[in-house]
Amino acid sequence: MSPKSPRGDALSDVIFKGTDDYRPAGMAEVTLVFENDGEWHADDEGEWGEAIPHEYREMAELSITRRLHQSGESEYLINRAECRLRDIRDFLAGTGLGKQGYSIVEQGEVNFIVNAKPAERRLLI
């Protein structure tokens, strides 16, 4: 969500601007594909957890896509179906991959973690 993560000033900086030989792209797209093996969202008693919303539990693969258009408009998709950013956040809420999770560490943040004081590191963990 932040243009600073991919070292840019604006989110549109991630869209290919073109060269002498190639036309500029109208959008950038990123898709994360998760394998749903049916094991990671059930608890010890065989009850379904909250990690995957009910409507996606039977699917073998789950994909989350963001498209950013040159105009600045974003599209969000779950399994190629258009949705809201809120739907994606809700989808990821029980997996640890949410906004507050450190399952995905941004470039430059590793240095902060390595050089952090023990008390700061405990806060992260």
N, C-alpha and C. Protein backbone atom coordinates (compact mmCIF):
# COMPACT_ATOMS: atom_id res chain seq x y z
N MET A 1 0.82 -1.20 0.00
CA MET A 1 0.00 0.00 0.00
C MET A 1 0.86 1.26 0.00
N SER A 2 2.10 1.15 0.45
CA SER A 2 2.97 2.32 0.53
C SER A 2 3.92 2.36 -0.66
N PRO A 3 4.04 3.51 -1.30
CA PRO A 3 4.98 3.60 -2.42
C PRO A 3 6.44 3.52 -1.97
N LYS A 4 6.70 3.71 -0.68
CA LYS A 4 8.07 3.64 -0.18
C LYS A 4 8.58 2.21 -0.15
N SER A 5 7.69 1.23 -0.02
CA SER A 5 8.11 -0.17 0.04
C SER A 5 8.87 -0.58 -1.22
N PRO A 6 8.35 -0.30 -2.42
CA PRO A 6 9.12 -0.64 -3.63
C PRO A 6 10.07 0.48 -4.08
N ARG A 7 10.42 1.40 -3.15
CA ARG A 7 11.35 2.49 -3.42
C ARG A 7 10.83 3.47 -4.46
N GLY A 8 9.63 3.92 -4.29
CA GLY A 8 9.06 4.89 -5.21
C GLY A 8 8.48 6.07 -4.46
N ASP A 9 8.09 7.08 -5.24
CA ASP A 9 7.44 8.26 -4.65
C ASP A 9 5.93 8.14 -4.71
N ALA A 10 5.44 7.44 -5.71
CA ALA A 10 4.00 7.25 -5.89
C ALA A 10 3.75 5.81 -6.30
N LEU A 11 2.57 5.30 -6.02
CA LEU A 11 2.26 3.92 -6.40
C LEU A 11 2.36 3.70 -7.90
N SER A 12 2.07 4.73 -8.70
CA SER A 12 2.14 4.58 -10.15
C SER A 12 3.56 4.34 -10.65
N ASP A 13 4.57 4.54 -9.78
CA ASP A 13 5.96 4.27 -10.17
C ASP A 13 6.22 2.80 -10.45
N VAL A 14 5.36 1.91 -9.97
CA VAL A 14 5.55 0.48 -10.23
C VAL A 14 5.05 0.07 -11.61
N ILE A 15 4.38 0.97 -12.32
CA ILE A 15 3.86 0.68 -13.66
C ILE A 15 4.93 1.00 -14.69
N PHE A 16 5.18 0.05 -15.59
CA PHE A 16 6.22 0.19 -16.62
C PHE A 16 5.94 1.42 -17.48
N LYS A 17 6.92 2.32 -17.57
CA LYS A 17 6.76 3.59 -18.30
C LYS A 17 7.08 3.47 -19.79
N GLY A 18 7.66 2.35 -20.20
CA GLY A 18 7.99 2.16 -21.61
C GLY A 18 9.43 2.52 -21.92
N THR A 19 9.87 2.10 -23.11
CA THR A 19 11.21 2.41 -23.62
C THR A 19 11.06 2.74 -25.09
N ASP A 20 12.19 2.92 -25.76
CA ASP A 20 12.13 3.18 -27.20
C ASP A 20 11.54 1.99 -27.95
N ASP A 21 11.75 0.78 -27.43
CA ASP A 21 11.30 -0.43 -28.12
C ASP A 21 9.97 -0.99 -27.61
N TYR A 22 9.55 -0.60 -26.39
CA TYR A 22 8.34 -1.16 -25.79
C TYR A 22 7.38 -0.06 -25.35
N ARG A 23 6.11 -0.28 -25.61
CA ARG A 23 5.08 0.68 -25.20
C ARG A 23 4.91 0.66 -23.68
N PRO A 24 4.48 1.77 -23.09
CA PRO A 24 4.22 1.77 -21.65
C PRO A 24 3.02 0.89 -21.31
N ALA A 25 3.04 0.35 -20.13
CA ALA A 25 1.92 -0.48 -19.67
C ALA A 25 0.85 0.42 -19.08
N GLY A 26 -0.37 -0.02 -19.16
CA GLY A 26 -1.48 0.75 -18.59
C GLY A 26 -1.75 0.41 -17.14
N MET A 27 -1.16 -0.71 -16.68
CA MET A 27 -1.40 -1.12 -15.30
C MET A 27 -0.30 -2.06 -14.84
N ALA A 28 -0.24 -2.25 -13.53
CA ALA A 28 0.63 -3.26 -12.92
C ALA A 28 -0.29 -4.20 -12.16
N GLU A 29 0.09 -5.47 -12.11
CA GLU A 29 -0.75 -6.46 -11.44
C GLU A 29 0.13 -7.41 -10.64
N VAL A 30 -0.30 -7.71 -9.43
CA VAL A 30 0.39 -8.67 -8.57
C VAL A 30 -0.64 -9.66 -8.07
N THR A 31 -0.30 -10.96 -8.13
CA THR A 31 -1.19 -12.00 -7.63
C THR A 31 -0.42 -12.91 -6.69
N LEU A 32 -0.99 -13.14 -5.52
CA LEU A 32 -0.46 -14.11 -4.57
C LEU A 32 -1.35 -15.34 -4.65
N VAL A 33 -0.76 -16.50 -4.83
CA VAL A 33 -1.52 -17.74 -4.92
C VAL A 33 -1.17 -18.61 -3.72
N PHE A 34 -2.19 -19.04 -3.00
CA PHE A 34 -2.01 -19.89 -1.83
C PHE A 34 -2.59 -21.26 -2.13
N GLU A 35 -1.86 -22.31 -1.77
CA GLU A 35 -2.37 -23.67 -1.90
C GLU A 35 -3.22 -23.96 -0.67
N ASN A 36 -4.41 -24.46 -0.90
CA ASN A 36 -5.31 -24.81 0.20
C ASN A 36 -5.33 -26.33 0.30
N ASP A 37 -4.49 -26.86 1.19
CA ASP A 37 -4.42 -28.31 1.34
C ASP A 37 -5.44 -28.85 2.33
N GLY A 38 -6.22 -27.96 2.94
CA GLY A 38 -7.28 -28.38 3.85
C GLY A 38 -6.80 -28.70 5.25
N GLU A 39 -5.50 -28.52 5.52
CA GLU A 39 -4.96 -28.88 6.83
C GLU A 39 -4.71 -27.68 7.73
N TRP A 40 -4.30 -26.56 7.20
CA TRP A 40 -3.81 -25.47 8.03
C TRP A 40 -4.90 -24.63 8.67
N HIS A 41 -6.15 -24.88 8.35
CA HIS A 41 -7.19 -24.06 8.96
C HIS A 41 -8.11 -24.84 9.88
N ALA A 42 -7.79 -26.08 10.15
CA ALA A 42 -8.59 -26.86 11.10
C ALA A 42 -7.83 -26.93 12.42
N ASP A 43 -8.55 -26.85 13.54
CA ASP A 43 -7.87 -26.92 14.83
C ASP A 43 -7.69 -28.37 15.26
N ASP A 44 -7.17 -28.59 16.47
CA ASP A 44 -6.86 -29.94 16.96
C ASP A 44 -8.08 -30.84 17.06
N GLU A 45 -9.24 -30.25 17.23
CA GLU A 45 -10.47 -31.04 17.39
C GLU A 45 -11.21 -31.23 16.07
N GLY A 46 -10.58 -30.80 14.96
CA GLY A 46 -11.21 -30.97 13.67
C GLY A 46 -12.23 -29.89 13.33
N GLU A 47 -12.33 -28.88 14.19
CA GLU A 47 -13.25 -27.77 13.92
C GLU A 47 -12.58 -26.80 12.95
N TRP A 48 -13.38 -26.22 12.06
CA TRP A 48 -12.84 -25.25 11.12
C TRP A 48 -12.52 -23.97 11.85
N GLY A 49 -11.31 -23.45 11.62
CA GLY A 49 -10.90 -22.19 12.22
C GLY A 49 -11.43 -21.03 11.41
N GLU A 50 -11.00 -19.86 11.78
CA GLU A 50 -11.43 -18.64 11.08
C GLU A 50 -10.44 -18.23 10.00
N ALA A 51 -9.41 -19.03 9.74
CA ALA A 51 -8.36 -18.63 8.82
C ALA A 51 -8.86 -18.43 7.39
N ILE A 52 -9.76 -19.25 6.93
CA ILE A 52 -10.28 -19.13 5.57
C ILE A 52 -11.79 -18.96 5.66
N PRO A 53 -12.31 -17.92 5.01
CA PRO A 53 -13.77 -17.77 5.00
C PRO A 53 -14.45 -19.00 4.39
N HIS A 54 -15.62 -19.30 4.88
CA HIS A 54 -16.35 -20.52 4.52
C HIS A 54 -16.45 -20.74 3.01
N GLU A 55 -16.73 -19.69 2.25
CA GLU A 55 -16.95 -19.86 0.80
C GLU A 55 -15.71 -20.27 0.02
N TYR A 56 -14.51 -20.20 0.64
CA TYR A 56 -13.27 -20.56 -0.06
C TYR A 56 -12.64 -21.85 0.44
N ARG A 57 -13.20 -22.49 1.43
CA ARG A 57 -12.57 -23.64 2.07
C ARG A 57 -12.41 -24.86 1.17
N GLU A 58 -13.27 -25.03 0.21
CA GLU A 58 -13.22 -26.21 -0.65
C GLU A 58 -12.36 -26.01 -1.89
N MET A 59 -11.81 -24.82 -2.09
CA MET A 59 -11.02 -24.53 -3.29
C MET A 59 -9.58 -24.97 -3.09
N ALA A 60 -8.98 -25.57 -4.12
CA ALA A 60 -7.60 -26.08 -4.04
C ALA A 60 -6.59 -24.95 -4.01
N GLU A 61 -6.87 -23.86 -4.71
CA GLU A 61 -5.99 -22.70 -4.72
C GLU A 61 -6.79 -21.45 -4.44
N LEU A 62 -6.16 -20.53 -3.74
CA LEU A 62 -6.77 -19.24 -3.43
C LEU A 62 -5.84 -18.17 -3.96
N SER A 63 -6.37 -17.22 -4.72
CA SER A 63 -5.52 -16.16 -5.24
C SER A 63 -6.06 -14.80 -4.83
N ILE A 64 -5.13 -13.91 -4.54
CA ILE A 64 -5.46 -12.53 -4.20
C ILE A 64 -4.70 -11.66 -5.19
N THR A 65 -5.40 -10.74 -5.85
CA THR A 65 -4.81 -9.92 -6.90
C THR A 65 -5.09 -8.44 -6.65
N ARG A 66 -4.09 -7.64 -6.96
CA ARG A 66 -4.29 -6.19 -6.98
C ARG A 66 -3.83 -5.68 -8.33
N ARG A 67 -4.66 -4.89 -8.96
CA ARG A 67 -4.32 -4.22 -10.21
C ARG A 67 -4.29 -2.72 -9.94
N LEU A 68 -3.21 -2.09 -10.34
CA LEU A 68 -3.08 -0.64 -10.20
C LEU A 68 -3.02 -0.04 -11.60
N HIS A 69 -3.97 0.80 -11.92
CA HIS A 69 -4.04 1.43 -13.24
C HIS A 69 -3.29 2.75 -13.24
N GLN A 70 -2.86 3.18 -14.42
CA GLN A 70 -2.13 4.44 -14.58
C GLN A 70 -2.92 5.61 -14.01
N SER A 71 -4.22 5.53 -14.04
CA SER A 71 -5.08 6.60 -13.51
C SER A 71 -5.03 6.69 -11.99
N GLY A 72 -4.46 5.67 -11.34
CA GLY A 72 -4.41 5.64 -9.88
C GLY A 72 -5.49 4.76 -9.27
N GLU A 73 -6.40 4.30 -10.10
CA GLU A 73 -7.48 3.42 -9.63
C GLU A 73 -6.94 2.02 -9.37
N SER A 74 -7.41 1.41 -8.28
CA SER A 74 -7.01 0.04 -7.94
C SER A 74 -8.19 -0.90 -8.05
N GLU A 75 -7.90 -2.12 -8.45
CA GLU A 75 -8.89 -3.19 -8.43
C GLU A 75 -8.34 -4.30 -7.55
N TYR A 76 -9.22 -4.91 -6.78
CA TYR A 76 -8.84 -6.03 -5.91
C TYR A 76 -9.69 -7.22 -6.30
N LEU A 77 -9.05 -8.42 -6.32
CA LEU A 77 -9.76 -9.62 -6.71
C LEU A 77 -9.39 -10.78 -5.78
N ILE A 78 -10.36 -11.59 -5.47
CA ILE A 78 -10.12 -12.86 -4.79
C ILE A 78 -10.60 -13.93 -5.76
N ASN A 79 -9.70 -14.83 -6.13
CA ASN A 79 -10.00 -15.87 -7.12
C ASN A 79 -10.64 -15.28 -8.38
N ARG A 80 -10.05 -14.22 -8.86
CA ARG A 80 -10.44 -13.53 -10.10
C ARG A 80 -11.82 -12.87 -10.03
N ALA A 81 -12.42 -12.81 -8.87
CA ALA A 81 -13.70 -12.13 -8.69
C ALA A 81 -13.43 -10.79 -8.00
N GLU A 82 -13.96 -9.71 -8.57
CA GLU A 82 -13.73 -8.39 -8.02
C GLU A 82 -14.27 -8.28 -6.60
N CYS A 83 -13.52 -7.61 -5.74
CA CYS A 83 -13.91 -7.44 -4.35
C CYS A 83 -13.36 -6.11 -3.84
N ARG A 84 -13.59 -5.83 -2.57
CA ARG A 84 -13.08 -4.62 -1.93
C ARG A 84 -11.79 -4.95 -1.18
N LEU A 85 -10.99 -3.91 -0.90
CA LEU A 85 -9.80 -4.09 -0.08
C LEU A 85 -10.20 -4.64 1.28
N ARG A 86 -11.31 -4.21 1.78
CA ARG A 86 -11.82 -4.69 3.08
C ARG A 86 -12.02 -6.20 3.04
N ASP A 87 -12.52 -6.73 1.92
CA ASP A 87 -12.73 -8.18 1.79
C ASP A 87 -11.40 -8.93 1.87
N ILE A 88 -10.36 -8.36 1.29
CA ILE A 88 -9.05 -9.01 1.34
C ILE A 88 -8.50 -8.96 2.75
N ARG A 89 -8.65 -7.83 3.42
CA ARG A 89 -8.19 -7.74 4.81
C ARG A 89 -8.93 -8.73 5.69
N ASP A 90 -10.24 -8.87 5.49
CA ASP A 90 -11.02 -9.84 6.25
C ASP A 90 -10.56 -11.26 5.95
N PHE A 91 -10.27 -11.51 4.68
CA PHE A 91 -9.81 -12.82 4.23
C PHE A 91 -8.50 -13.21 4.94
N LEU A 92 -7.59 -12.25 5.08
CA LEU A 92 -6.27 -12.51 5.66
C LEU A 92 -6.24 -12.40 7.18
N ALA A 93 -7.31 -11.94 7.79
CA ALA A 93 -7.31 -11.63 9.22
C ALA A 93 -6.86 -12.79 10.10
N GLY A 94 -7.28 -13.99 9.82
CA GLY A 94 -6.94 -15.11 10.68
C GLY A 94 -5.67 -15.84 10.31
N THR A 95 -4.96 -15.38 9.29
CA THR A 95 -3.79 -16.11 8.80
C THR A 95 -2.46 -15.59 9.31
N GLY A 96 -2.45 -14.40 9.91
CA GLY A 96 -1.19 -13.79 10.33
C GLY A 96 -0.55 -12.97 9.23
N LEU A 97 -1.19 -12.89 8.06
CA LEU A 97 -0.65 -12.11 6.96
C LEU A 97 -1.29 -10.73 6.86
N GLY A 98 -1.92 -10.30 7.90
CA GLY A 98 -2.63 -9.02 7.87
C GLY A 98 -1.73 -7.83 8.03
N LYS A 99 -2.35 -6.68 8.18
CA LYS A 99 -1.66 -5.40 8.28
C LYS A 99 -0.67 -5.36 9.44
N GLN A 100 -1.01 -5.94 10.58
CA GLN A 100 -0.16 -5.89 11.75
C GLN A 100 0.80 -7.08 11.82
N GLY A 101 0.69 -8.03 10.93
CA GLY A 101 1.54 -9.21 10.98
C GLY A 101 2.92 -8.96 10.40
N TYR A 102 3.88 -9.73 10.83
CA TYR A 102 5.23 -9.62 10.30
C TYR A 102 5.59 -10.88 9.54
N SER A 103 4.61 -11.53 8.93
CA SER A 103 4.88 -12.70 8.10
C SER A 103 5.60 -12.28 6.83
N ILE A 104 5.31 -11.08 6.37
CA ILE A 104 5.98 -10.51 5.20
C ILE A 104 6.73 -9.29 5.70
N VAL A 105 8.04 -9.26 5.54
CA VAL A 105 8.85 -8.16 6.04
C VAL A 105 9.29 -7.32 4.86
N GLU A 106 9.05 -6.02 4.94
CA GLU A 106 9.41 -5.12 3.86
C GLU A 106 10.92 -4.97 3.74
N GLN A 107 11.34 -4.61 2.54
CA GLN A 107 12.75 -4.35 2.29
C GLN A 107 13.22 -3.24 3.22
N GLY A 108 14.33 -3.40 3.85
CA GLY A 108 14.84 -2.40 4.78
C GLY A 108 14.46 -2.66 6.22
N GLU A 109 13.39 -3.41 6.45
CA GLU A 109 12.95 -3.71 7.81
C GLU A 109 13.79 -4.80 8.46
N VAL A 110 14.43 -5.64 7.67
CA VAL A 110 15.28 -6.70 8.22
C VAL A 110 16.43 -6.06 8.99
N ASN A 111 17.02 -5.01 8.44
CA ASN A 111 18.11 -4.31 9.11
C ASN A 111 17.65 -3.77 10.46
N PHE A 112 16.45 -3.22 10.52
CA PHE A 112 15.91 -2.72 11.78
C PHE A 112 15.78 -3.84 12.80
N ILE A 113 15.27 -4.98 12.37
CA ILE A 113 15.07 -6.10 13.28
C ILE A 113 16.41 -6.63 13.79
N VAL A 114 17.37 -6.76 12.90
CA VAL A 114 18.68 -7.29 13.29
C VAL A 114 19.38 -6.36 14.28
N ASN A 115 19.26 -5.05 14.06
CA ASN A 115 19.95 -4.08 14.91
C ASN A 115 19.12 -3.62 16.10
N ALA A 116 17.94 -4.14 16.28
CA ALA A 116 17.08 -3.72 17.39
C ALA A 116 17.63 -4.20 18.72
N LYS A 117 17.32 -3.43 19.75
CA LYS A 117 17.67 -3.83 21.12
C LYS A 117 16.79 -5.02 21.50
N PRO A 118 17.24 -5.84 22.44
CA PRO A 118 16.45 -7.02 22.84
C PRO A 118 15.01 -6.68 23.23
N ALA A 119 14.80 -5.57 23.93
CA ALA A 119 13.43 -5.19 24.34
C ALA A 119 12.58 -4.85 23.12
N GLU A 120 13.16 -4.18 22.13
CA GLU A 120 12.42 -3.85 20.91
C GLU A 120 12.09 -5.12 20.12
N ARG A 121 13.04 -6.05 20.08
CA ARG A 121 12.83 -7.31 19.36
C ARG A 121 11.72 -8.12 20.00
N ARG A 122 11.66 -8.12 21.35
CA ARG A 122 10.59 -8.84 22.05
C ARG A 122 9.24 -8.27 21.70
N LEU A 123 9.14 -6.95 21.53
CA LEU A 123 7.87 -6.33 21.14
C LEU A 123 7.42 -6.83 19.77
N LEU A 124 8.37 -7.00 18.86
CA LEU A 124 8.03 -7.50 17.53
C LEU A 124 7.53 -8.94 17.57
N ILE A 125 8.19 -9.74 18.40
CA ILE A 125 7.85 -11.16 18.46
C ILE A 125 6.60 -11.33 19.29
